Every structure is written in structure tokens, then in C-alpha cells.
Amino acid sequence: MPGELDALEADPVDGYAATVVLLRDGELGVEVLLARRPQRGSFADAWVFPGGAVDAADVAGDALDGEETARRAAVRETREEVGLDVDADELVPFSHWTPPPGSPKRLRTWFFAARVPEGDLTLAPDEVVAVQWIRPGEVLERHAAGDLTLWPPTWVTLHGLAHAASVDEALDELRSGEIRPFVSRYTDDRTAVLWQEDEAFAPVVEADGAPAVSSEASEVQGVRHRLTVDRLPWVYVKTF
């Protein structure tokens, strides 16, 4: 699988990005900082974690898709978007996402987590129209009710944090685990996102040359790693 994964992650993309999941301890458990995007551009009107694309200054001699480059991008983007200065050395990398072929802006993205630093939130009005501190489980409930927009990487990350009782617990768990890759494909009817471990992941080629996964993927048995997104609530299945 490592060789196959390397080949999948070598698939050309439009660019690279970094995202920071900022955490704090609330009265009822861990809270995350979510930012609402404007009703235009990438992730229009969605609630996301602070972050954005790697730029030339972030590279500083390292690999364009490397962890150190992503750390610098994460620090810069968090400062620019919400006015908080995170320490690059305190960032905990925990996942690496490759969007499905056919995505409008395909940026391969590192996800980091960190305890929120001291400081006041200052929003970049062109990029963030609102922010809120909220428990992961509450976000998922509101999404299931149709009250807000999420994208699959945000949804899956929140799902993984929903059980954490404290920031220390969440960071310790993320720090002790591997940096999980998520190489994504849509089924051809766009009802589900599949990741590389799923038995149905192997792509077919559509008439326009874009790879997808057959809609018969729902009938495939065996290992599954997918998120069904054609109706609310979304359903996450991971059988390994």
C-alpha cells in the first residue's frame, strides 16, 4: 500500500494549502474555532478552519508540499485570517488531504491542530465574515439539520474530535497517531466521497477523461472508508 499511496499522492493538483484546527476548553468540553467564508469564491458560505494556500514565501528552500512549508503557511494564514499568532513548533500535524479529481480548486492540504494562543480575534473581512467557538458535536448536529455548510474534510475532522473531553486529550491523541492521508474520489453520481482504503476506490474513466468511482460502489463489500453526502445527515463509514 505505501507504494500505491505514493503514486496516488503524486497525482497533479492545482496547489497546496495548510489548515489549523484551533482548540480551547469550554464549559461543556472541547471547542473549535470555525470561520465562515463569504458567499463567493472557494468554499462559499461554508464554515471552515482557518487556513489557505501555500505561497512562495512559505517555501523558504523546503519542499513545496512539505511539512515545514505547510507549517509556515499555517502560521501566516491564521494570522492573516483571524489575527492570532500560533507557534509553528506547537502545531500538531494529523492529516493530509487530496481533493477528488473534478474539484473546482484542488489544493492538497495539511491539517494541523493547536491550542488557541492568547490574543484577540481580528477578522480579515475579505476572507472571513464570522467566527464562532463551538463544540464539534454541536457543529455536526447543526449540519445534519441543514443549518450550516461544511465540506467533507471539515466534517470528518469534527467527527474525530467529537469525543475529546479536553484540549490536552485531543492533542495527545492526535500527536500519538499517524499523519493520516485522505486521497479522495467521488462516486460518478457524486453521492459519496471515497478514500483510498475503500474497496470501491479504484477509479473508472468518464467520457471526459476525468476519473471517478462507479455508482455501483455502494454494492461493494469489504473494507469501506467513505462519506455519503447526498442527503442529511451525512453518513461516515470506516470499517478498518
Protein backbone atom coordinates (compact mmCIF):
# COMPACT_ATOMS: atom_id res chain seq x y z
CA MET A 1 0.00 0.00 0.00
CA PRO A 2 2.81 2.56 0.70
CA GLY A 3 3.92 2.44 -2.95
CA GLU A 4 0.34 2.73 -4.17
CA LEU A 5 -0.28 5.64 -1.79
CA ASP A 6 2.85 7.43 -3.01
CA ALA A 7 1.56 7.12 -6.58
CA LEU A 8 -1.86 8.46 -5.59
CA GLU A 9 -0.35 11.42 -3.74
CA ALA A 10 1.82 12.20 -6.77
CA ASP A 11 -1.31 12.92 -8.79
CA PRO A 12 -1.05 16.54 -10.05
CA VAL A 13 -3.11 19.13 -8.14
CA ASP A 14 -3.72 22.88 -8.50
CA GLY A 15 -1.61 23.77 -5.48
CA TYR A 16 -1.00 23.19 -1.78
CA ALA A 17 -2.51 24.53 1.43
CA ALA A 18 -2.50 24.32 5.22
CA THR A 19 -5.28 24.45 7.79
CA VAL A 20 -5.20 24.92 11.57
CA VAL A 21 -7.77 23.44 13.95
CA LEU A 22 -7.65 25.80 16.94
CA LEU A 23 -8.90 24.25 20.19
CA ARG A 24 -9.92 25.54 23.59
CA ASP A 25 -11.53 24.07 26.70
CA GLY A 26 -15.15 25.18 27.09
CA GLU A 27 -17.60 24.60 29.91
CA LEU A 28 -19.10 21.56 28.15
CA GLY A 29 -15.96 20.21 26.51
CA VAL A 30 -13.56 20.95 23.69
CA GLU A 31 -14.46 23.79 21.34
CA VAL A 32 -13.06 24.51 17.89
CA LEU A 33 -12.79 27.83 16.10
CA LEU A 34 -14.78 27.86 12.86
CA ALA A 35 -14.72 30.66 10.32
CA ARG A 36 -17.49 31.40 7.84
CA ARG A 37 -16.40 32.15 4.29
CA PRO A 38 -18.03 34.88 2.19
CA GLN A 39 -20.76 33.90 -0.25
CA ARG A 40 -18.29 33.84 -3.13
CA GLY A 41 -15.00 32.22 -4.08
CA SER A 42 -13.64 28.98 -2.65
CA PHE A 43 -15.86 27.23 -0.08
CA ALA A 44 -18.54 29.90 -0.49
CA ASP A 45 -20.62 30.34 2.70
CA ALA A 46 -19.02 27.25 4.29
CA TRP A 47 -17.75 27.04 7.85
CA VAL A 48 -14.08 26.06 7.80
CA PHE A 49 -10.94 26.09 9.93
CA PRO A 50 -8.53 28.99 9.39
CA GLY A 51 -6.08 28.30 6.59
CA GLY A 52 -5.27 28.79 2.96
CA ALA A 53 -2.90 28.24 0.07
CA VAL A 54 0.87 27.96 0.35
CA ASP A 55 2.63 30.92 -1.26
CA ALA A 56 6.20 31.36 -2.49
CA ALA A 57 7.44 32.95 0.74
CA ASP A 58 6.33 29.90 2.75
CA VAL A 59 8.64 27.54 0.87
CA ALA A 60 11.96 29.02 2.09
CA GLY A 61 14.01 26.27 0.49
CA ASP A 62 11.85 23.35 1.62
CA ALA A 63 9.61 21.13 -0.48
CA LEU A 64 6.51 22.86 -1.83
CA ASP A 65 4.32 20.09 -0.38
CA GLY A 66 6.50 19.54 2.69
CA GLU A 67 5.50 19.74 6.34
CA GLU A 68 7.79 22.67 7.18
CA THR A 69 6.42 24.71 4.28
CA ALA A 70 2.89 23.88 5.43
CA ARG A 71 3.71 24.97 8.99
CA ARG A 72 4.81 28.38 7.78
CA ALA A 73 1.69 28.70 5.61
CA ALA A 74 -0.49 27.68 8.56
CA VAL A 75 1.04 30.35 10.81
CA ARG A 76 0.75 33.05 8.16
CA GLU A 77 -2.81 32.21 7.14
CA THR A 78 -4.04 32.06 10.74
CA ARG A 79 -2.55 35.48 11.42
CA GLU A 80 -3.99 36.95 8.22
CA GLU A 81 -7.47 35.48 8.59
CA VAL A 82 -8.22 35.70 12.32
CA GLY A 83 -5.34 37.73 13.79
CA LEU A 84 -3.90 35.01 16.03
CA ASP A 85 -0.19 34.12 16.21
CA VAL A 86 0.28 30.38 16.52
CA ASP A 87 3.70 28.89 17.23
CA ALA A 88 4.81 26.75 14.29
CA ASP A 89 6.52 24.32 16.68
CA GLU A 90 3.26 23.82 18.59
CA LEU A 91 1.30 22.71 15.53
CA VAL A 92 0.38 19.01 15.57
CA PRO A 93 0.06 17.55 12.06
CA PHE A 94 -2.59 14.85 11.87
CA SER A 95 -3.96 14.52 8.32
CA HIS A 96 -3.15 15.25 4.68
CA TRP A 97 -5.97 15.67 2.16
CA THR A 98 -6.02 15.29 -1.61
CA PRO A 99 -9.37 16.50 -3.03
CA PRO A 100 -11.25 14.44 -5.64
CA PRO A 101 -10.49 14.95 -9.32
CA GLY A 102 -13.00 17.42 -10.69
CA SER A 103 -12.98 19.62 -7.59
CA PRO A 104 -13.20 23.33 -8.50
CA LYS A 105 -9.94 24.20 -6.72
CA ARG A 106 -7.84 21.14 -5.99
CA LEU A 107 -5.38 22.04 -3.20
CA ARG A 108 -3.56 19.25 -1.37
CA THR A 109 -3.83 20.31 2.27
CA TRP A 110 -2.03 19.62 5.54
CA PHE A 111 -4.23 19.72 8.65
CA PHE A 112 -2.69 20.81 11.96
CA ALA A 113 -4.15 21.21 15.45
CA ALA A 114 -3.09 23.55 18.26
CA ARG A 115 -4.31 25.08 21.50
CA VAL A 116 -5.53 28.59 20.76
CA PRO A 117 -2.86 31.19 21.61
CA GLU A 118 -3.57 34.31 23.61
CA GLY A 119 -4.76 37.29 21.66
CA ASP A 120 -7.87 38.92 20.24
CA LEU A 121 -9.60 37.71 17.13
CA THR A 122 -9.26 40.15 14.23
CA LEU A 123 -11.06 39.01 11.09
CA ALA A 124 -9.94 39.63 7.51
CA PRO A 125 -13.23 40.89 6.02
CA ASP A 126 -12.43 39.67 2.50
CA GLU A 127 -11.93 36.11 3.75
CA VAL A 128 -13.95 35.65 6.95
CA VAL A 129 -17.42 37.07 7.61
CA ALA A 130 -17.98 35.45 11.03
CA VAL A 131 -16.34 33.13 13.55
CA GLN A 132 -17.61 31.04 16.42
CA TRP A 133 -16.27 28.79 19.13
CA ILE A 134 -18.35 25.64 19.14
CA ARG A 135 -18.20 22.00 20.22
CA PRO A 136 -17.56 19.55 17.35
CA GLY A 137 -20.65 17.50 18.12
CA GLU A 138 -22.84 20.60 18.03
CA VAL A 139 -21.46 21.56 14.61
CA LEU A 140 -22.33 18.10 13.27
CA GLU A 141 -25.84 18.34 14.71
CA ARG A 142 -26.40 21.73 13.10
CA HIS A 143 -25.06 20.46 9.80
CA ALA A 144 -27.40 17.46 9.97
CA ALA A 145 -30.30 19.88 10.47
CA GLY A 146 -29.27 21.89 7.40
CA ASP A 147 -28.30 24.96 9.42
CA LEU A 148 -24.77 25.36 8.06
CA THR A 149 -22.47 24.26 5.24
CA LEU A 150 -19.44 22.01 5.74
CA TRP A 151 -17.02 20.33 3.36
CA PRO A 152 -16.02 16.68 3.85
CA PRO A 153 -12.54 17.30 5.35
CA THR A 154 -14.05 19.64 7.95
CA TRP A 155 -16.88 17.21 8.71
CA VAL A 156 -14.55 14.21 9.14
CA THR A 157 -12.15 16.21 11.34
CA LEU A 158 -15.01 17.34 13.59
CA HIS A 159 -16.28 13.76 13.76
CA GLY A 160 -12.86 12.65 15.00
CA LEU A 161 -12.76 15.34 17.70
CA ALA A 162 -16.31 14.93 18.99
CA HIS A 163 -15.41 12.52 21.79
CA ALA A 164 -12.48 14.52 23.26
CA ALA A 165 -13.01 15.67 26.84
CA SER A 166 -10.25 18.29 26.86
CA VAL A 167 -7.74 20.00 24.61
CA ASP A 168 -4.92 18.03 26.23
CA GLU A 169 -6.71 14.78 25.44
CA ALA A 170 -7.40 15.79 21.86
CA LEU A 171 -3.82 16.91 21.18
CA ASP A 172 -2.30 13.87 22.90
CA GLU A 173 -4.40 11.56 20.76
CA LEU A 174 -3.54 13.39 17.55
CA ARG A 175 0.15 13.56 18.48
CA SER A 176 0.33 9.83 19.22
CA GLY A 177 -1.27 8.77 15.94
CA GLU A 178 0.00 8.74 12.38
CA ILE A 179 -0.50 11.58 9.92
CA ARG A 180 -3.41 10.05 8.04
CA PRO A 181 -3.63 10.56 4.28
CA PHE A 182 -7.04 11.06 2.69
CA VAL A 183 -6.85 10.63 -1.09
CA SER A 184 -10.38 11.31 -2.30
CA ARG A 185 -12.61 10.35 -5.20
CA TYR A 186 -16.30 10.90 -5.89
CA THR A 187 -18.62 8.16 -6.99
CA ASP A 188 -19.75 9.04 -10.52
CA ASP A 189 -23.15 10.19 -9.25
CA ARG A 190 -21.44 12.38 -6.61
CA THR A 191 -23.44 10.80 -3.80
CA ALA A 192 -20.36 9.78 -1.82
CA VAL A 193 -16.70 10.56 -1.28
CA LEU A 194 -14.42 7.52 -1.06
CA TRP A 195 -10.88 7.32 0.32
CA GLN A 196 -8.03 5.11 -0.77
CA GLU A 197 -8.67 2.26 1.68
CA ASP A 198 -12.20 1.65 0.33
CA GLU A 199 -12.65 -1.49 -1.79
CA ALA A 200 -14.51 0.58 -4.39
CA PHE A 201 -11.87 3.30 -4.66
CA ALA A 202 -10.23 2.07 -7.89
CA PRO A 203 -11.37 4.64 -10.47
CA VAL A 204 -13.11 4.26 -13.78
CA VAL A 205 -12.63 6.88 -16.50
CA GLU A 206 -15.59 9.00 -17.56
CA ALA A 207 -16.24 10.14 -21.12
CA ASP A 208 -14.47 13.46 -20.49
CA GLY A 209 -11.40 11.65 -19.18
CA ALA A 210 -11.98 12.52 -15.52
CA PRO A 211 -11.54 9.62 -13.08
CA ALA A 212 -14.46 8.77 -10.84
CA VAL A 213 -15.85 5.78 -8.99
CA SER A 214 -18.78 3.78 -10.27
CA SER A 215 -22.13 4.40 -8.61
CA GLU A 216 -22.14 0.62 -8.04
CA ALA A 217 -19.64 1.34 -5.27
CA SER A 218 -22.50 1.19 -2.79
CA GLU A 219 -22.83 -2.53 -3.59
CA VAL A 220 -19.17 -3.33 -2.97
CA GLN A 221 -18.44 -5.40 0.11
CA GLY A 222 -15.21 -5.48 2.13
CA VAL A 223 -13.22 -2.60 3.58
CA ARG A 224 -15.04 0.72 3.41
CA HIS A 225 -13.89 4.26 4.01
CA ARG A 226 -16.44 6.72 2.69
CA LEU A 227 -18.76 9.60 3.44
CA THR A 228 -22.25 9.56 1.93
CA VAL A 229 -23.19 13.17 1.14
CA ASP A 230 -26.34 13.01 -0.99
CA ARG A 231 -28.69 13.62 1.95
CA LEU A 232 -28.63 14.81 5.54
CA PRO A 233 -27.33 13.65 7.89
CA TRP A 234 -24.12 12.62 6.17
CA VAL A 235 -23.02 9.08 6.98
CA TYR A 236 -19.36 8.21 7.66
CA VAL A 237 -18.29 4.59 7.32
CA LYS A 238 -14.83 3.34 8.28
CA THR A 239 -14.50 -0.42 8.73
CA PHE A 240 -10.77 -0.83 9.37
